């Protein structure tokens, strides 16, 4: 590929990235609106557990979208994606799925252990990357 082709592909990637960021912003606004409605449902629910489930899941979903959006914005600005944003989004997503399973009430011990292993692995990877970045900054 020549320099002109790479430049055109880079511009196309920029446009797609900006479109995705706008879509994610709309998703975050709608998610915040739904979370506010969930708070109202908690107040009127007969059981705190029923109303809190939707609130927790929707809040974690907003964080997943936010972390993905931050990753896309960083790509747009620096032409690279930080693995930290992706790992954070992954942690929020796995936590969100764990909360859905816990609220459903039918989680097996093996599934719970599996979630724990995934969270520990992604969390440990994030810690290692953070230490690597801090070491690079201090050098």
C-alpha atoms as a PDB file:
ATOM      1  CA  UNK A   1       0.000   0.000   0.000  1.00  0.00           C
ATOM      2  CA  UNK A   2       1.222   3.434  -0.793  1.00  0.00           C
ATOM      3  CA  UNK A   3       1.040   6.532   1.401  1.00  0.00           C
ATOM      4  CA  UNK A   4      -2.070   7.879  -0.350  1.00  0.00           C
ATOM      5  CA  UNK A   5      -4.022   4.647   0.244  1.00  0.00           C
ATOM      6  CA  UNK A   6      -3.013   4.613   3.894  1.00  0.00           C
ATOM      7  CA  UNK A   7      -4.084   8.243   4.252  1.00  0.00           C
ATOM      8  CA  UNK A   8      -7.492   7.499   2.728  1.00  0.00           C
ATOM      9  CA  UNK A   9      -7.987   4.448   4.959  1.00  0.00           C
ATOM     10  CA  UNK A  10      -6.943   6.511   7.970  1.00  0.00           C
ATOM     11  CA  UNK A  11      -9.526   9.170   7.122  1.00  0.00           C
ATOM     12  CA  UNK A  12     -12.210   6.500   6.705  1.00  0.00           C
ATOM     13  CA  UNK A  13     -11.265   5.034  10.097  1.00  0.00           C
ATOM     14  CA  UNK A  14     -11.524   8.529  11.627  1.00  0.00           C
ATOM     15  CA  UNK A  15     -15.031   9.032  10.227  1.00  0.00           C
ATOM     16  CA  UNK A  16     -16.182   5.605  11.415  1.00  0.00           C
ATOM     17  CA  UNK A  17     -14.666   6.255  14.845  1.00  0.00           C
ATOM     18  CA  UNK A  18     -16.457   9.592  15.166  1.00  0.00           C
ATOM     19  CA  UNK A  19     -19.766   8.032  14.090  1.00  0.00           C
ATOM     20  CA  UNK A  20     -19.338   5.292  16.723  1.00  0.00           C
ATOM     21  CA  UNK A  21     -18.539   7.882  19.399  1.00  0.00           C
ATOM     22  CA  UNK A  22     -21.720   9.818  18.545  1.00  0.00           C
ATOM     23  CA  UNK A  23     -23.783   6.612  18.652  1.00  0.00           C
ATOM     24  CA  UNK A  24     -22.216   5.736  22.016  1.00  0.00           C
ATOM     25  CA  UNK A  25     -22.982   9.218  23.367  1.00  0.00           C
ATOM     26  CA  UNK A  26     -26.623   8.740  22.400  1.00  0.00           C
ATOM     27  CA  UNK A  27     -26.523   5.328  24.096  1.00  0.00           C
ATOM     28  CA  UNK A  28     -25.074   6.842  27.261  1.00  0.00           C
ATOM     29  CA  UNK A  29     -27.744   9.565  27.354  1.00  0.00           C
ATOM     30  CA  UNK A  30     -30.489   6.965  26.887  1.00  0.00           C
ATOM     31  CA  UNK A  31     -28.834   4.749  29.505  1.00  0.00           C
ATOM     32  CA  UNK A  32     -28.748   7.601  32.024  1.00  0.00           C
ATOM     33  CA  UNK A  33     -32.418   8.297  31.313  1.00  0.00           C
ATOM     34  CA  UNK A  34     -33.273   4.615  31.848  1.00  0.00           C
ATOM     35  CA  UNK A  35     -31.206   4.559  35.058  1.00  0.00           C
ATOM     36  CA  UNK A  36     -33.173   7.534  36.382  1.00  0.00           C
ATOM     37  CA  UNK A  37     -36.382   5.659  35.602  1.00  0.00           C
ATOM     38  CA  UNK A  38     -34.932   2.636  37.434  1.00  0.00           C
ATOM     39  CA  UNK A  39     -34.416   4.775  40.554  1.00  0.00           C
ATOM     40  CA  UNK A  40     -38.085   5.676  40.382  1.00  0.00           C
ATOM     41  CA  UNK A  41     -38.952   1.973  40.087  1.00  0.00           C
ATOM     42  CA  UNK A  42     -36.848   1.199  43.165  1.00  0.00           C
ATOM     43  CA  UNK A  43     -38.921   3.718  45.114  1.00  0.00           C
ATOM     44  CA  UNK A  44     -42.248   2.233  43.990  1.00  0.00           C
ATOM     45  CA  UNK A  45     -41.187  -1.450  43.971  1.00  0.00           C
ATOM     46  CA  UNK A  46     -42.588  -3.811  46.566  1.00  0.00           C
ATOM     47  CA  UNK A  47     -39.108  -5.225  47.070  1.00  0.00           C
ATOM     48  CA  UNK A  48     -35.809  -3.358  46.862  1.00  0.00           C
ATOM     49  CA  UNK A  49     -34.287  -6.362  45.100  1.00  0.00           C
ATOM     50  CA  UNK A  50     -36.652  -6.113  42.115  1.00  0.00           C
ATOM     51  CA  UNK A  51     -35.963  -2.444  41.446  1.00  0.00           C
ATOM     52  CA  UNK A  52     -32.242  -2.622  42.215  1.00  0.00           C
ATOM     53  CA  UNK A  53     -31.561  -5.333  39.621  1.00  0.00           C
ATOM     54  CA  UNK A  54     -32.368  -3.112  36.657  1.00  0.00           C
ATOM     55  CA  UNK A  55     -30.566  -0.170  38.218  1.00  0.00           C
ATOM     56  CA  UNK A  56     -27.334  -2.128  38.744  1.00  0.00           C
ATOM     57  CA  UNK A  57     -27.383  -3.734  35.277  1.00  0.00           C
ATOM     58  CA  UNK A  58     -28.142  -0.441  33.522  1.00  0.00           C
ATOM     59  CA  UNK A  59     -25.453   1.419  35.463  1.00  0.00           C
ATOM     60  CA  UNK A  60     -22.820  -1.190  34.608  1.00  0.00           C
ATOM     61  CA  UNK A  61     -23.922  -1.098  30.967  1.00  0.00           C
ATOM     62  CA  UNK A  62     -23.317   2.666  30.919  1.00  0.00           C
ATOM     63  CA  UNK A  63     -19.798   2.079  32.229  1.00  0.00           C
ATOM     64  CA  UNK A  64     -19.112  -0.522  29.520  1.00  0.00           C
ATOM     65  CA  UNK A  65     -20.220   1.907  26.811  1.00  0.00           C
ATOM     66  CA  UNK A  66     -18.259   4.748  28.414  1.00  0.00           C
ATOM     67  CA  UNK A  67     -15.017   2.760  28.513  1.00  0.00           C
ATOM     68  CA  UNK A  68     -15.449   1.654  24.908  1.00  0.00           C
ATOM     69  CA  UNK A  69     -16.131   5.251  23.907  1.00  0.00           C
ATOM     70  CA  UNK A  70     -12.972   6.405  25.690  1.00  0.00           C
ATOM     71  CA  UNK A  71     -11.011   3.768  23.779  1.00  0.00           C
ATOM     72  CA  UNK A  72     -12.410   4.974  20.456  1.00  0.00           C
ATOM     73  CA  UNK A  73     -11.716   8.600  21.340  1.00  0.00           C
ATOM     74  CA  UNK A  74      -8.136   7.743  22.222  1.00  0.00           C
ATOM     75  CA  UNK A  75      -7.744   5.971  18.886  1.00  0.00           C
ATOM     76  CA  UNK A  76      -9.046   9.062  17.117  1.00  0.00           C
ATOM     77  CA  UNK A  77      -6.628  11.340  18.948  1.00  0.00           C
ATOM     78  CA  UNK A  78      -3.486   9.199  19.146  1.00  0.00           C
ATOM     79  CA  UNK A  79      -3.971   6.546  16.433  1.00  0.00           C
ATOM     80  CA  UNK A  80      -3.714   3.747  18.960  1.00  0.00           C
ATOM     81  CA  UNK A  81      -5.990   2.000  21.390  1.00  0.00           C
ATOM     82  CA  UNK A  82      -4.866   1.648  24.975  1.00  0.00           C
ATOM     83  CA  UNK A  83      -5.400  -1.871  26.255  1.00  0.00           C
ATOM     84  CA  UNK A  84      -6.344  -0.354  29.622  1.00  0.00           C
ATOM     85  CA  UNK A  85      -9.642   1.010  28.256  1.00  0.00           C
ATOM     86  CA  UNK A  86     -10.438  -2.326  26.658  1.00  0.00           C
ATOM     87  CA  UNK A  87      -9.591  -4.220  29.867  1.00  0.00           C
ATOM     88  CA  UNK A  88     -11.717  -1.809  31.918  1.00  0.00           C
ATOM     89  CA  UNK A  89     -14.640  -2.309  29.535  1.00  0.00           C
ATOM     90  CA  UNK A  90     -14.099  -6.065  29.808  1.00  0.00           C
ATOM     91  CA  UNK A  91     -14.124  -5.923  33.609  1.00  0.00           C
ATOM     92  CA  UNK A  92     -17.346  -3.910  33.631  1.00  0.00           C
ATOM     93  CA  UNK A  93     -18.911  -6.293  31.112  1.00  0.00           C
ATOM     94  CA  UNK A  94     -17.988  -9.430  33.055  1.00  0.00           C
ATOM     95  CA  UNK A  95     -19.177  -7.799  36.286  1.00  0.00           C
ATOM     96  CA  UNK A  96     -22.438  -6.845  34.568  1.00  0.00           C
ATOM     97  CA  UNK A  97     -22.966 -10.429  33.397  1.00  0.00           C
ATOM     98  CA  UNK A  98     -22.160 -11.733  36.877  1.00  0.00           C
ATOM     99  CA  UNK A  99     -24.729  -9.402  38.419  1.00  0.00           C
ATOM    100  CA  UNK A 100     -27.365 -10.544  35.900  1.00  0.00           C
ATOM    101  CA  UNK A 101     -26.665 -14.178  36.808  1.00  0.00           C
ATOM    102  CA  UNK A 102     -26.716 -13.425  40.539  1.00  0.00           C
ATOM    103  CA  UNK A 103     -30.037 -11.592  40.306  1.00  0.00           C
ATOM    104  CA  UNK A 104     -31.497 -14.447  38.230  1.00  0.00           C
ATOM    105  CA  UNK A 105     -30.773 -16.672  41.225  1.00  0.00           C
ATOM    106  CA  UNK A 106     -29.743 -19.772  39.338  1.00  0.00           C
ATOM    107  CA  UNK A 107     -25.956 -19.489  39.295  1.00  0.00           C
ATOM    108  CA  UNK A 108     -24.002 -22.676  39.831  1.00  0.00           C
ATOM    109  CA  UNK A 109     -20.798 -22.841  41.872  1.00  0.00           C
ATOM    110  CA  UNK A 110     -18.822 -23.670  38.707  1.00  0.00           C
ATOM    111  CA  UNK A 111     -20.191 -20.596  36.937  1.00  0.00           C
ATOM    112  CA  UNK A 112     -19.346 -18.440  39.941  1.00  0.00           C
ATOM    113  CA  UNK A 113     -15.788 -19.804  40.012  1.00  0.00           C
ATOM    114  CA  UNK A 114     -15.512 -19.192  36.262  1.00  0.00           C
ATOM    115  CA  UNK A 115     -16.544 -15.569  36.670  1.00  0.00           C
ATOM    116  CA  UNK A 116     -14.027 -15.198  39.481  1.00  0.00           C
ATOM    117  CA  UNK A 117     -11.214 -16.609  37.350  1.00  0.00           C
ATOM    118  CA  UNK A 118     -12.046 -14.293  34.443  1.00  0.00           C
ATOM    119  CA  UNK A 119     -12.273 -11.234  36.709  1.00  0.00           C
ATOM    120  CA  UNK A 120      -8.994 -12.151  38.414  1.00  0.00           C
ATOM    121  CA  UNK A 121      -7.212 -12.724  35.087  1.00  0.00           C
ATOM    122  CA  UNK A 122      -8.426  -9.496  33.491  1.00  0.00           C
ATOM    123  CA  UNK A 123      -7.784  -7.546  36.703  1.00  0.00           C
ATOM    124  CA  UNK A 124      -4.264  -8.941  37.062  1.00  0.00           C
ATOM    125  CA  UNK A 125      -3.520  -8.159  33.414  1.00  0.00           C
ATOM    126  CA  UNK A 126      -4.702  -4.595  34.001  1.00  0.00           C
ATOM    127  CA  UNK A 127      -2.467  -4.253  37.066  1.00  0.00           C
ATOM    128  CA  UNK A 128       0.537  -5.531  35.106  1.00  0.00           C
ATOM    129  CA  UNK A 129      -0.141  -3.111  32.252  1.00  0.00           C
ATOM    130  CA  UNK A 130      -0.596  -0.211  34.650  1.00  0.00           C
ATOM    131  CA  UNK A 131       2.744  -0.991  36.306  1.00  0.00           C
ATOM    132  CA  UNK A 132       4.395  -1.203  32.891  1.00  0.00           C
ATOM    133  CA  UNK A 133       2.994   2.182  31.862  1.00  0.00           C
ATOM    134  CA  UNK A 134       4.066   3.778  35.151  1.00  0.00           C
ATOM    135  CA  UNK A 135       7.558   2.298  34.782  1.00  0.00           C
ATOM    136  CA  UNK A 136       7.806   3.754  31.288  1.00  0.00           C
ATOM    137  CA  UNK A 137       6.703   7.194  32.534  1.00  0.00           C
ATOM    138  CA  UNK A 138       9.217   7.191  35.393  1.00  0.00           C
ATOM    139  CA  UNK A 139      12.134   6.173  33.139  1.00  0.00           C
END
